[in-house]
Amino acid sequence: MATLFRCDLIVRDALIFDGTGAPRRTGDVGVSGDRIIAVGDLGATSADVEIDAAGRAIAPGFIDAHTHDDRALLCGPDCLHCKLSQGVTTVVAGNCGVSLSPLTRDRRPPAPLDLLGDKTWWRYDSFADYAEDVARQGTPVNAIAFVGHTTLRTREMGDGELGRAATDAEAGRMKERLKEALAQGAWGLSTGLWYPPAIASTTEEVIAVAEALAEAGGMYVTHMRDEADGILDAIEETLTIGRAAKVPVVMSHYKCTMPQNWGRSVETLAKLDEAAARQPVWVDVYPYHASSTVLMPARLRDEVRVTVTWSVPHPEMQGRDLDAIAAEWGCTRREAAERLLPAGAIYYQMNEEDVRRIIAHPRAMIGSDGLPHDAFPHPRLWGTFPRVLGHYARELGLISMEEAVRKMTGLTAQVFGLKDRGVIRPGAYADLVLFDPATVSDGATFDDPKRPAPGIEQVWVNGECVYRWGEGPTGARPGRLLKNPRASA
């Protein structure tokens, strides 16, 4: 029996998934302030709030390894309902070369920067300005934020010059701007080399910018230059950049796209294993066979179904298939896509067997890659984490529930260096999710993508309740923008 003391919160008689992958066990979890202070038999201990879990599960709050939540962090709890209702308590923002800082705009930014919004959102001249605004407004989740290479390019080169590689002088200015952001708390550099305009950059340009990372303890995360026919070359480029910069690498939303590449995850994962013996490298993955990003007419393929998620000139077309729109307008699908721009889309271009193989890989974390400002989003925005638990772990048995939780908590905290997050143990932060392992599932679908997840019952961030099933976000904003541990400001 534990020594008598008092907690702010005790969750009793829970199945504890501690985030390490260890077998589940039954016990109590006690919280005081923003920390877990006791785990085990707390029968002799009382609390201001006591919850009888009655055999339901408690786990560390899920860490979304790949998001585009830079703007969502500034929009209040309702903007992050999609994350809280999944049990997400920490997000990794600023991915794919796209970050809200450091860049100010007086007009709409070029794609894919416009995934985060029009000119009104581009108002942060430095990472410190962005961090200050997040702290001032408050947020219901914790976050770490990367600085985007495309953001840096746009600032230092200007819209009219983005179609070429940076000069040495321009790359040098990007490096200095990145160095400043790292000192102010940014976690590292992200790239989106698959997208115009960053596709015009060379490997040497990225290395020159990334040289700022090692001294600051930063990381390199990337939407690689190719996820289709040239994927092996793209992986090699990514590894080369990581070695040159002397930093850990995360390959974003790891996949094999287009029908001719289905099944190649066997090959790409073997290359990942080989590389991991020489340098620190990880991947994140979302549990769906369709991707989503901006609509790019030049990259349409006849055999790939496309659904429109948003369109500035034609908002009435959100949620509709591109082929149906083209038929209605009496034009080709490419002509229809061009008329819809700027716009976003879902692309059904992956194979389920590849998705499963990557999810099961020991170096794969779970990340939603959700786009919170899409009018008709991919269901991954609302369904990623419960889908892994309910579909892939419970229903398919692809991985154990313990391993599913580890891929969403302890592993992610380890990869990104999040101290005292992602685990249930005394001294860790009280980021917690209470869920029913027998019923948890993804409510969101491709036809109805904005639905909370059944089975996610209650969520706490830094010891405060931020979500209850049936009620939604509580309105609390206890989250923090976590600073790079080596930040000087």
Protein backbone atom coordinates (compact mmCIF):
# COMPACT_ATOMS: atom_id res chain seq x y z
CA MET A 1 0.00 0.00 0.00
CA ALA A 2 1.35 3.42 -0.95
CA THR A 3 2.16 6.07 1.64
CA LEU A 4 -0.76 8.43 2.31
CA PHE A 5 -0.57 11.71 0.42
CA ARG A 6 -2.92 13.80 -1.69
CA CYS A 7 -3.11 14.38 -5.46
CA ASP A 8 -4.98 16.78 -7.68
CA LEU A 9 -6.15 13.86 -9.86
CA ILE A 10 -6.18 10.09 -9.56
CA VAL A 11 -7.28 7.75 -12.34
CA ARG A 12 -8.03 4.44 -10.62
CA ASP A 13 -8.19 0.84 -11.81
CA ALA A 14 -6.87 1.58 -15.30
CA LEU A 15 -5.08 -0.58 -17.84
CA ILE A 16 -1.79 1.30 -17.97
CA PHE A 17 -0.01 1.47 -21.33
CA ASP A 18 3.12 3.30 -20.23
CA GLY A 19 4.46 4.28 -23.67
CA THR A 20 7.59 2.10 -23.53
CA GLY A 21 6.04 -0.95 -25.18
CA ALA A 22 6.04 -2.84 -21.86
CA PRO A 23 3.07 -5.13 -21.20
CA ARG A 24 -0.07 -3.38 -19.97
CA ARG A 25 -0.76 -3.57 -16.25
CA THR A 26 -3.58 -2.57 -13.96
CA GLY A 27 -3.06 0.28 -11.55
CA ASP A 28 -3.70 3.89 -10.57
CA VAL A 29 -2.09 7.08 -11.85
CA GLY A 30 -1.77 10.12 -9.57
CA VAL A 31 -1.19 13.68 -10.77
CA SER A 32 -0.26 16.87 -8.95
CA GLY A 33 0.19 20.09 -10.85
CA ASP A 34 1.56 19.31 -14.29
CA ARG A 35 3.34 16.07 -13.32
CA ILE A 36 2.59 12.45 -12.65
CA ILE A 37 3.67 11.82 -9.06
CA ALA A 38 2.70 8.20 -8.47
CA VAL A 39 1.82 5.05 -10.43
CA GLY A 40 0.60 1.78 -8.96
CA ASP A 41 -1.64 1.01 -5.99
CA LEU A 42 -2.83 4.38 -4.68
CA GLY A 43 -5.61 2.99 -2.52
CA ALA A 44 -4.38 4.93 0.53
CA THR A 45 -4.19 8.17 -1.43
CA SER A 46 -6.98 10.66 -2.10
CA ALA A 47 -7.39 13.37 -4.72
CA ASP A 48 -9.50 16.40 -5.53
CA VAL A 49 -10.70 14.61 -8.68
CA GLU A 50 -10.95 10.82 -8.80
CA ILE A 51 -11.90 8.87 -11.92
CA ASP A 52 -12.76 5.19 -11.88
CA ALA A 53 -11.40 3.86 -15.16
CA ALA A 54 -13.09 0.51 -14.52
CA GLY A 55 -10.54 -1.32 -16.64
CA ARG A 56 -10.36 1.18 -19.47
CA ALA A 57 -6.92 2.20 -20.69
CA ILE A 58 -4.76 5.14 -19.77
CA ALA A 59 -1.77 6.05 -21.92
CA PRO A 60 0.57 8.97 -22.40
CA GLY A 61 -1.05 11.64 -24.53
CA PHE A 62 -0.35 10.91 -28.17
CA ILE A 63 2.39 12.86 -29.94
CA ASP A 64 1.57 13.69 -33.55
CA ALA A 65 4.93 13.32 -35.28
CA HIS A 66 3.92 15.23 -38.41
CA THR A 67 1.47 18.13 -38.53
CA HIS A 68 0.74 21.41 -40.24
CA ASP A 69 -0.72 22.93 -37.08
CA ASP A 70 1.35 26.15 -37.07
CA ARG A 71 -1.76 28.30 -37.56
CA ALA A 72 -4.11 25.97 -35.64
CA LEU A 73 -2.06 26.61 -32.50
CA LEU A 74 -3.20 30.24 -32.70
CA CYS A 75 -6.90 29.58 -33.31
CA GLY A 76 -8.04 28.35 -29.90
CA PRO A 77 -9.33 24.97 -28.65
CA ASP A 78 -12.04 24.59 -31.30
CA CYS A 79 -9.38 24.72 -34.02
CA LEU A 80 -7.68 21.75 -32.37
CA HIS A 81 -10.81 19.72 -31.63
CA CYS A 82 -9.58 17.38 -34.37
CA LYS A 83 -6.45 16.62 -32.31
CA LEU A 84 -7.87 16.63 -28.80
CA SER A 85 -10.63 14.19 -29.76
CA GLN A 86 -7.95 11.70 -30.88
CA GLY A 87 -6.01 11.92 -27.63
CA VAL A 88 -3.22 14.06 -29.12
CA THR A 89 -1.49 16.23 -26.52
CA THR A 90 1.67 17.29 -28.41
CA VAL A 91 2.12 18.18 -32.09
CA VAL A 92 5.19 18.56 -34.30
CA ALA A 93 4.56 21.56 -36.56
CA GLY A 94 6.41 23.32 -39.38
CA ASN A 95 6.78 20.30 -41.68
CA CYS A 96 7.35 19.85 -45.43
CA GLY A 97 9.30 23.10 -45.71
CA VAL A 98 6.23 25.08 -44.63
CA SER A 99 6.29 27.20 -41.46
CA LEU A 100 4.56 30.47 -40.53
CA SER A 101 7.83 32.05 -39.48
CA PRO A 102 10.10 33.74 -40.24
CA LEU A 103 8.15 35.40 -43.08
CA THR A 104 5.81 38.34 -43.54
CA ARG A 105 3.61 38.77 -46.61
CA ASP A 106 1.45 41.45 -48.19
CA ARG A 107 -0.10 38.98 -50.65
CA ARG A 108 -1.05 35.30 -50.77
CA PRO A 109 2.08 33.12 -50.56
CA PRO A 110 2.96 30.61 -53.27
CA ALA A 111 1.86 26.99 -52.84
CA PRO A 112 2.43 24.99 -50.72
CA LEU A 113 2.87 27.82 -48.18
CA ASP A 114 -0.78 28.71 -48.72
CA LEU A 115 -1.78 25.50 -46.95
CA LEU A 116 -1.43 27.63 -43.82
CA GLY A 117 -3.56 30.51 -45.07
CA ASP A 118 -3.69 33.75 -47.00
CA LYS A 119 -1.60 36.87 -46.44
CA THR A 120 -3.27 37.71 -43.11
CA TRP A 121 -1.49 34.82 -41.37
CA TRP A 122 2.02 35.66 -42.57
CA ARG A 123 2.97 38.23 -39.97
CA TYR A 124 5.91 36.77 -38.04
CA ASP A 125 9.28 38.27 -38.92
CA SER A 126 11.06 35.89 -36.55
CA PHE A 127 10.47 32.59 -34.80
CA ALA A 128 10.51 34.53 -31.53
CA ASP A 129 7.54 36.60 -32.74
CA TYR A 130 5.61 33.42 -33.53
CA ALA A 131 6.50 31.79 -30.19
CA GLU A 132 5.47 34.93 -28.31
CA ASP A 133 2.07 34.96 -30.01
CA VAL A 134 1.46 31.28 -29.20
CA ALA A 135 2.35 31.94 -25.56
CA ARG A 136 0.17 35.07 -25.42
CA GLN A 137 -2.93 33.41 -26.85
CA GLY A 138 -2.43 30.05 -25.18
CA THR A 139 -3.02 26.64 -26.74
CA PRO A 140 -4.65 23.40 -25.56
CA VAL A 141 -1.77 21.21 -26.79
CA ASN A 142 1.99 21.20 -26.50
CA ALA A 143 4.00 21.77 -29.65
CA ILE A 144 7.46 21.80 -31.12
CA ALA A 145 8.00 23.71 -34.35
CA PHE A 146 10.43 23.38 -37.24
CA VAL A 147 11.44 26.14 -39.63
CA GLY A 148 10.57 25.49 -43.25
CA HIS A 149 13.15 25.64 -46.02
CA THR A 150 10.49 26.92 -48.46
CA THR A 151 9.61 29.66 -45.99
CA LEU A 152 13.29 30.66 -45.79
CA ARG A 153 13.68 30.55 -49.60
CA THR A 154 10.64 32.74 -50.13
CA ARG A 155 11.97 35.28 -47.66
CA GLU A 156 15.51 35.44 -48.98
CA MET A 157 14.91 34.95 -52.72
CA GLY A 158 11.51 36.52 -53.42
CA ASP A 159 8.62 35.04 -55.34
CA GLY A 160 10.05 35.78 -58.78
CA GLU A 161 13.30 33.88 -58.18
CA LEU A 162 12.02 30.69 -56.58
CA GLY A 163 12.26 28.63 -59.75
CA ARG A 164 16.06 28.34 -59.52
CA ALA A 165 18.67 27.14 -57.06
CA ALA A 166 19.80 29.60 -54.43
CA THR A 167 23.11 31.35 -54.80
CA ASP A 168 25.78 30.82 -52.16
CA ALA A 169 24.91 34.23 -50.71
CA GLU A 170 21.20 33.41 -50.54
CA ALA A 171 21.87 30.03 -48.93
CA GLY A 172 24.14 31.77 -46.45
CA ARG A 173 21.37 34.18 -45.47
CA MET A 174 18.96 31.27 -45.05
CA LYS A 175 21.48 29.55 -42.80
CA GLU A 176 21.82 32.65 -40.62
CA ARG A 177 18.04 33.02 -40.42
CA LEU A 178 17.75 29.36 -39.41
CA LYS A 179 20.51 29.80 -36.83
CA GLU A 180 18.58 32.71 -35.33
CA ALA A 181 15.35 30.68 -35.19
CA LEU A 182 17.12 27.75 -33.52
CA ALA A 183 18.48 30.09 -30.86
CA GLN A 184 14.91 31.30 -30.30
CA GLY A 185 13.58 27.77 -29.78
CA ALA A 186 12.87 26.22 -33.19
CA TRP A 187 13.48 22.47 -33.26
CA GLY A 188 15.19 22.15 -36.63
CA LEU A 189 14.82 22.45 -40.40
CA SER A 190 12.15 20.90 -42.60
CA THR A 191 12.13 20.62 -46.37
CA GLY A 192 9.51 19.92 -49.00
CA LEU A 193 11.74 19.06 -51.93
CA TRP A 194 8.93 17.36 -53.87
CA TYR A 195 7.06 20.64 -54.23
CA PRO A 196 7.63 23.53 -56.54
CA PRO A 197 9.32 25.86 -55.71
CA ALA A 198 11.70 23.95 -53.40
CA ILE A 199 12.19 21.29 -56.06
CA ALA A 200 14.46 23.83 -57.79
CA SER A 201 16.92 23.69 -54.90
CA THR A 202 20.00 21.50 -55.07
CA THR A 203 21.26 19.06 -52.45
CA GLU A 204 24.18 21.44 -51.90
CA GLU A 205 21.80 24.31 -51.14
CA VAL A 206 19.99 22.30 -48.49
CA ILE A 207 23.26 21.17 -46.92
CA ALA A 208 24.52 24.75 -46.82
CA VAL A 209 21.40 25.83 -44.90
CA ALA A 210 21.35 22.73 -42.69
CA GLU A 211 24.89 23.38 -41.47
CA ALA A 212 23.29 25.55 -38.79
CA LEU A 213 21.67 22.52 -37.17
CA ALA A 214 24.49 20.57 -35.53
CA GLU A 215 25.70 23.31 -33.20
CA ALA A 216 22.14 24.02 -32.04
CA GLY A 217 21.21 20.38 -31.59
CA GLY A 218 18.56 20.63 -34.29
CA MET A 219 17.05 17.94 -36.51
CA TYR A 220 16.34 17.55 -40.22
CA VAL A 221 12.87 16.37 -41.32
CA THR A 222 11.88 16.10 -44.95
CA HIS A 223 9.17 15.53 -47.49
CA MET A 224 11.63 13.89 -49.85
CA ARG A 225 12.22 14.88 -53.46
CA ASP A 226 10.42 11.78 -54.79
CA GLU A 227 8.13 9.16 -53.26
CA ALA A 228 7.48 7.37 -56.55
CA ASP A 229 9.87 6.09 -59.25
CA GLY A 230 12.91 7.90 -57.86
CA ILE A 231 12.35 7.06 -54.21
CA LEU A 232 15.67 5.27 -53.65
CA ASP A 233 17.62 8.27 -54.96
CA ALA A 234 15.49 10.55 -52.76
CA ILE A 235 16.24 8.45 -49.69
CA GLU A 236 19.95 8.58 -50.50
CA GLU A 237 19.80 12.38 -50.86
CA THR A 238 18.08 12.62 -47.48
CA LEU A 239 20.73 10.47 -45.81
CA THR A 240 23.50 12.51 -47.45
CA ILE A 241 22.05 15.74 -46.06
CA GLY A 242 21.78 14.23 -42.59
CA ARG A 243 25.39 13.03 -42.64
CA ALA A 244 26.69 16.35 -43.97
CA ALA A 245 24.77 18.30 -41.35
CA LYS A 246 25.68 15.75 -38.64
CA VAL A 247 22.10 15.55 -37.37
CA PRO A 248 19.29 12.99 -37.00
CA VAL A 249 16.91 12.63 -39.93
CA VAL A 250 13.17 11.94 -40.11
CA MET A 251 11.66 11.01 -43.48
CA SER A 252 8.11 12.33 -43.51
CA HIS A 253 4.95 10.35 -44.35
CA TYR A 254 7.03 7.45 -45.65
CA LYS A 255 5.29 5.82 -48.61
CA CYS A 256 5.53 4.42 -52.14
CA THR A 257 3.25 6.26 -54.56
CA MET A 258 1.81 5.37 -57.96
CA PRO A 259 0.74 1.85 -59.00
CA GLN A 260 4.07 0.94 -60.60
CA ASN A 261 5.74 1.37 -57.20
CA TRP A 262 3.31 -0.58 -55.07
CA GLY A 263 5.16 -3.23 -53.10
CA ARG A 264 8.46 -1.36 -53.14
CA SER A 265 8.25 -0.72 -49.39
CA VAL A 266 10.10 -4.03 -49.02
CA GLU A 267 13.00 -2.39 -50.85
CA THR A 268 12.77 1.04 -49.23
CA LEU A 269 12.52 -0.33 -45.69
CA ALA A 270 15.57 -2.51 -46.31
CA LYS A 271 17.43 0.65 -47.29
CA LEU A 272 16.18 2.33 -44.11
CA ASP A 273 17.50 -0.54 -41.98
CA GLU A 274 20.86 -0.42 -43.75
CA ALA A 275 21.14 3.33 -43.22
CA ALA A 276 20.12 3.12 -39.55
CA ALA A 277 23.27 1.13 -38.83
CA ARG A 278 25.33 4.17 -39.89
CA GLN A 279 23.32 7.23 -38.86
CA PRO A 280 20.22 8.19 -36.81
CA VAL A 281 17.22 7.98 -39.16
CA TRP A 282 13.50 7.51 -38.55
CA VAL A 283 10.23 7.77 -40.44
CA ASP A 284 6.67 8.83 -39.72
CA VAL A 285 3.60 7.31 -41.37
CA TYR A 286 -0.16 7.85 -41.45
CA PRO A 287 -2.56 4.87 -41.59
CA TYR A 288 -4.29 5.50 -44.93
CA HIS A 289 -3.71 4.59 -48.58
CA ALA A 290 -4.51 8.12 -49.82
CA SER A 291 -2.45 11.29 -49.49
CA SER A 292 -3.48 14.95 -49.47
CA THR A 293 -1.84 18.25 -50.37
CA VAL A 294 -2.32 21.16 -52.76
CA LEU A 295 -3.89 20.44 -56.15
CA MET A 296 -1.19 20.34 -58.84
CA PRO A 297 -2.58 19.97 -62.39
CA ALA A 298 0.81 19.10 -63.90
CA ARG A 299 1.12 16.03 -61.66
CA LEU A 300 -2.28 14.45 -62.27
CA ARG A 301 -2.30 10.81 -63.34
CA ASP A 302 -5.30 9.26 -65.10
CA GLU A 303 -5.22 6.14 -62.92
CA VAL A 304 -5.24 8.09 -59.64
CA ARG A 305 -8.59 9.19 -58.25
CA VAL A 306 -8.63 12.77 -56.94
CA THR A 307 -11.06 14.45 -54.53
CA VAL A 308 -11.07 18.24 -54.08
CA THR A 309 -10.62 19.37 -50.46
CA TRP A 310 -10.85 23.13 -51.02
CA SER A 311 -10.84 25.70 -53.81
CA VAL A 312 -10.59 29.46 -53.53
CA PRO A 313 -12.53 30.31 -56.75
CA HIS A 314 -14.94 27.35 -56.49
CA PRO A 315 -15.58 26.50 -52.82
CA GLU A 316 -18.78 24.71 -53.86
CA MET A 317 -16.63 21.91 -55.34
CA GLN A 318 -15.07 20.79 -52.05
CA GLY A 319 -15.66 17.11 -51.38
CA ARG A 320 -16.28 16.28 -55.03
CA ASP A 321 -14.24 14.05 -57.33
CA LEU A 322 -12.20 15.87 -59.96
CA ASP A 323 -13.54 13.62 -62.74
CA ALA A 324 -17.12 14.56 -61.87
CA ILE A 325 -16.25 18.25 -61.88
CA ALA A 326 -14.55 17.92 -65.27
CA ALA A 327 -17.57 16.11 -66.70
CA GLU A 328 -19.90 18.80 -65.38
CA TRP A 329 -17.77 21.54 -66.88
CA GLY A 330 -17.23 19.67 -70.14
CA CYS A 331 -13.44 19.85 -70.00
CA THR A 332 -10.42 17.66 -69.27
CA ARG A 333 -9.52 16.89 -65.66
CA ARG A 334 -6.36 18.98 -66.01
CA GLU A 335 -8.38 21.95 -67.30
CA ALA A 336 -10.78 21.50 -64.40
CA ALA A 337 -7.89 21.39 -61.93
CA GLU A 338 -6.45 24.61 -63.36
CA ARG A 339 -9.82 26.36 -63.00
CA LEU A 340 -10.01 25.28 -59.35
CA LEU A 341 -6.64 26.77 -58.33
CA PRO A 342 -5.59 27.60 -55.71
CA ALA A 343 -6.99 24.38 -54.32
CA GLY A 344 -6.26 21.21 -52.36
CA ALA A 345 -6.88 17.54 -53.05
CA ILE A 346 -6.85 13.94 -51.83
CA TYR A 347 -4.92 11.51 -54.04
CA TYR A 348 -5.70 7.77 -53.87
CA GLN A 349 -2.21 6.70 -54.91
CA MET A 350 -0.86 4.20 -52.37
CA ASN A 351 -1.23 0.48 -51.65
CA GLU A 352 -2.62 -0.84 -48.38
CA GLU A 353 0.02 -3.57 -48.05
CA ASP A 354 2.77 -0.96 -48.20
CA VAL A 355 0.97 1.11 -45.57
CA ARG A 356 0.78 -1.88 -43.23
CA ARG A 357 4.41 -2.84 -43.78
CA ILE A 358 5.60 0.67 -42.93
CA ILE A 359 3.34 1.02 -39.86
CA ALA A 360 4.75 -2.22 -38.47
CA HIS A 361 8.38 -1.22 -38.96
CA PRO A 362 10.19 -0.57 -35.65
CA ARG A 363 11.57 2.80 -36.81
CA ALA A 364 8.14 4.17 -37.79
CA MET A 365 6.31 6.74 -35.67
CA ILE A 366 2.70 7.78 -36.25
CA GLY A 367 1.99 11.21 -37.70
CA SER A 368 -1.29 12.47 -39.12
CA ASP A 369 -0.05 14.95 -41.74
CA GLY A 370 -3.52 16.42 -41.32
CA LEU A 371 -4.37 19.75 -42.96
CA PRO A 372 -6.51 21.59 -40.40
CA HIS A 373 -7.62 24.39 -42.71
CA ASP A 374 -8.96 22.24 -45.54
CA ALA A 375 -12.72 22.72 -45.94
CA PHE A 376 -13.25 18.99 -46.66
CA PRO A 377 -10.16 17.38 -45.14
CA HIS A 378 -8.61 13.96 -45.46
CA PRO A 379 -9.97 11.84 -42.55
CA ARG A 380 -6.43 11.50 -41.15
CA LEU A 381 -6.95 14.95 -39.59
CA TRP A 382 -9.53 13.50 -37.17
CA GLY A 383 -8.90 9.76 -37.29
CA THR A 384 -5.21 8.83 -37.42
CA PHE A 385 -4.46 7.75 -33.85
CA PRO A 386 -7.71 5.90 -33.04
CA ARG A 387 -7.42 4.18 -36.45
CA VAL A 388 -4.03 2.75 -35.49
CA LEU A 389 -5.40 1.56 -32.15
CA GLY A 390 -8.74 0.24 -33.35
CA HIS A 391 -8.15 -0.98 -36.89
CA TYR A 392 -4.49 -1.92 -37.14
CA ALA A 393 -3.87 -3.09 -33.56
CA ARG A 394 -7.20 -4.49 -32.28
CA GLU A 395 -8.93 -5.62 -35.50
CA LEU A 396 -6.03 -6.67 -37.72
CA GLY A 397 -3.46 -7.55 -35.06
CA LEU A 398 -0.78 -5.96 -37.24
CA ILE A 399 0.92 -4.69 -34.09
CA SER A 400 0.07 -5.07 -30.43
CA MET A 401 -1.82 -2.34 -28.60
CA GLU A 402 1.33 -1.78 -26.52
CA GLU A 403 3.40 -1.26 -29.65
CA ALA A 404 0.75 1.01 -31.17
CA VAL A 405 0.87 3.23 -28.08
CA ARG A 406 4.69 3.24 -28.13
CA LYS A 407 4.72 4.39 -31.77
CA MET A 408 2.45 7.29 -30.79
CA THR A 409 4.16 8.26 -27.53
CA GLY A 410 7.47 6.99 -26.14
CA LEU A 411 9.15 6.39 -29.49
CA THR A 412 8.19 9.82 -30.80
CA ALA A 413 9.37 11.52 -27.61
CA GLN A 414 12.67 9.65 -27.89
CA VAL A 415 13.22 10.56 -31.54
CA PHE A 416 12.49 14.26 -31.06
CA GLY A 417 14.16 14.51 -27.66
CA LEU A 418 11.05 15.48 -25.67
CA LYS A 419 12.16 15.16 -22.07
CA ASP A 420 9.64 13.66 -19.63
CA ARG A 421 6.97 13.31 -22.33
CA GLY A 422 5.49 10.24 -23.95
CA VAL A 423 5.65 7.95 -20.89
CA ILE A 424 3.68 7.22 -17.75
CA ARG A 425 6.02 7.26 -14.76
CA PRO A 426 6.54 9.43 -11.70
CA GLY A 427 8.13 12.73 -12.72
CA ALA A 428 6.81 12.72 -16.28
CA TYR A 429 4.46 15.45 -17.45
CA ALA A 430 0.79 14.64 -17.01
CA ASP A 431 -0.14 14.44 -20.68
CA LEU A 432 -2.68 11.60 -20.59
CA VAL A 433 -5.49 10.00 -22.56
CA LEU A 434 -8.20 7.74 -21.17
CA PHE A 435 -9.63 5.41 -23.83
CA ASP A 436 -11.57 2.20 -24.22
CA PRO A 437 -9.37 -0.35 -26.03
CA ALA A 438 -12.45 -2.43 -26.89
CA THR A 439 -14.28 0.35 -28.75
CA VAL A 440 -11.74 2.97 -29.81
CA SER A 441 -12.03 3.61 -33.56
CA ASP A 442 -11.72 6.27 -36.22
CA GLY A 443 -15.07 7.95 -36.66
CA ALA A 444 -13.80 10.05 -39.55
CA THR A 445 -14.25 8.70 -43.09
CA PHE A 446 -13.47 9.94 -46.60
CA ASP A 447 -17.18 10.75 -47.01
CA ASP A 448 -17.60 12.30 -43.55
CA PRO A 449 -14.14 13.42 -42.41
CA LYS A 450 -14.90 15.68 -39.44
CA ARG A 451 -16.03 13.21 -36.79
CA PRO A 452 -14.59 12.70 -33.30
CA ALA A 453 -13.24 9.26 -32.43
CA PRO A 454 -15.45 6.92 -30.38
CA GLY A 455 -13.61 5.43 -27.43
CA ILE A 456 -11.43 8.46 -26.66
CA GLU A 457 -13.02 9.49 -23.38
CA GLN A 458 -10.87 12.12 -21.67
CA VAL A 459 -7.62 13.95 -22.34
CA TRP A 460 -5.28 15.92 -20.08
CA VAL A 461 -2.41 18.24 -21.02
CA ASN A 462 0.08 19.22 -18.33
CA GLY A 463 -2.41 17.98 -15.73
CA GLU A 464 -5.45 19.92 -16.99
CA CYS A 465 -8.46 18.35 -18.69
CA VAL A 466 -8.75 19.61 -22.26
CA TYR A 467 -11.31 17.20 -23.75
CA ARG A 468 -14.24 15.00 -22.74
CA TRP A 469 -16.18 12.70 -25.05
CA GLY A 470 -19.66 14.08 -25.69
CA GLU A 471 -18.66 17.56 -24.57
CA GLY A 472 -15.69 18.41 -26.78
CA PRO A 473 -12.83 20.74 -25.82
CA THR A 474 -13.09 22.14 -22.31
CA GLY A 475 -11.63 25.50 -23.35
CA ALA A 476 -8.52 25.06 -21.22
CA ARG A 477 -5.23 26.16 -22.76
CA PRO A 478 -2.47 24.55 -20.69
CA GLY A 479 -0.28 23.66 -23.69
CA ARG A 480 3.22 25.00 -24.27
CA LEU A 481 5.40 25.67 -27.28
CA LEU A 482 8.40 23.63 -26.21
CA LYS A 483 11.71 25.23 -27.02
CA ASN A 484 14.78 23.55 -28.46
CA PRO A 485 16.73 22.60 -25.30
CA ARG A 486 19.82 24.42 -26.60
CA ALA A 487 17.90 27.63 -27.37
CA SER A 488 19.53 30.74 -25.99
CA ALA A 489 16.34 32.77 -25.77
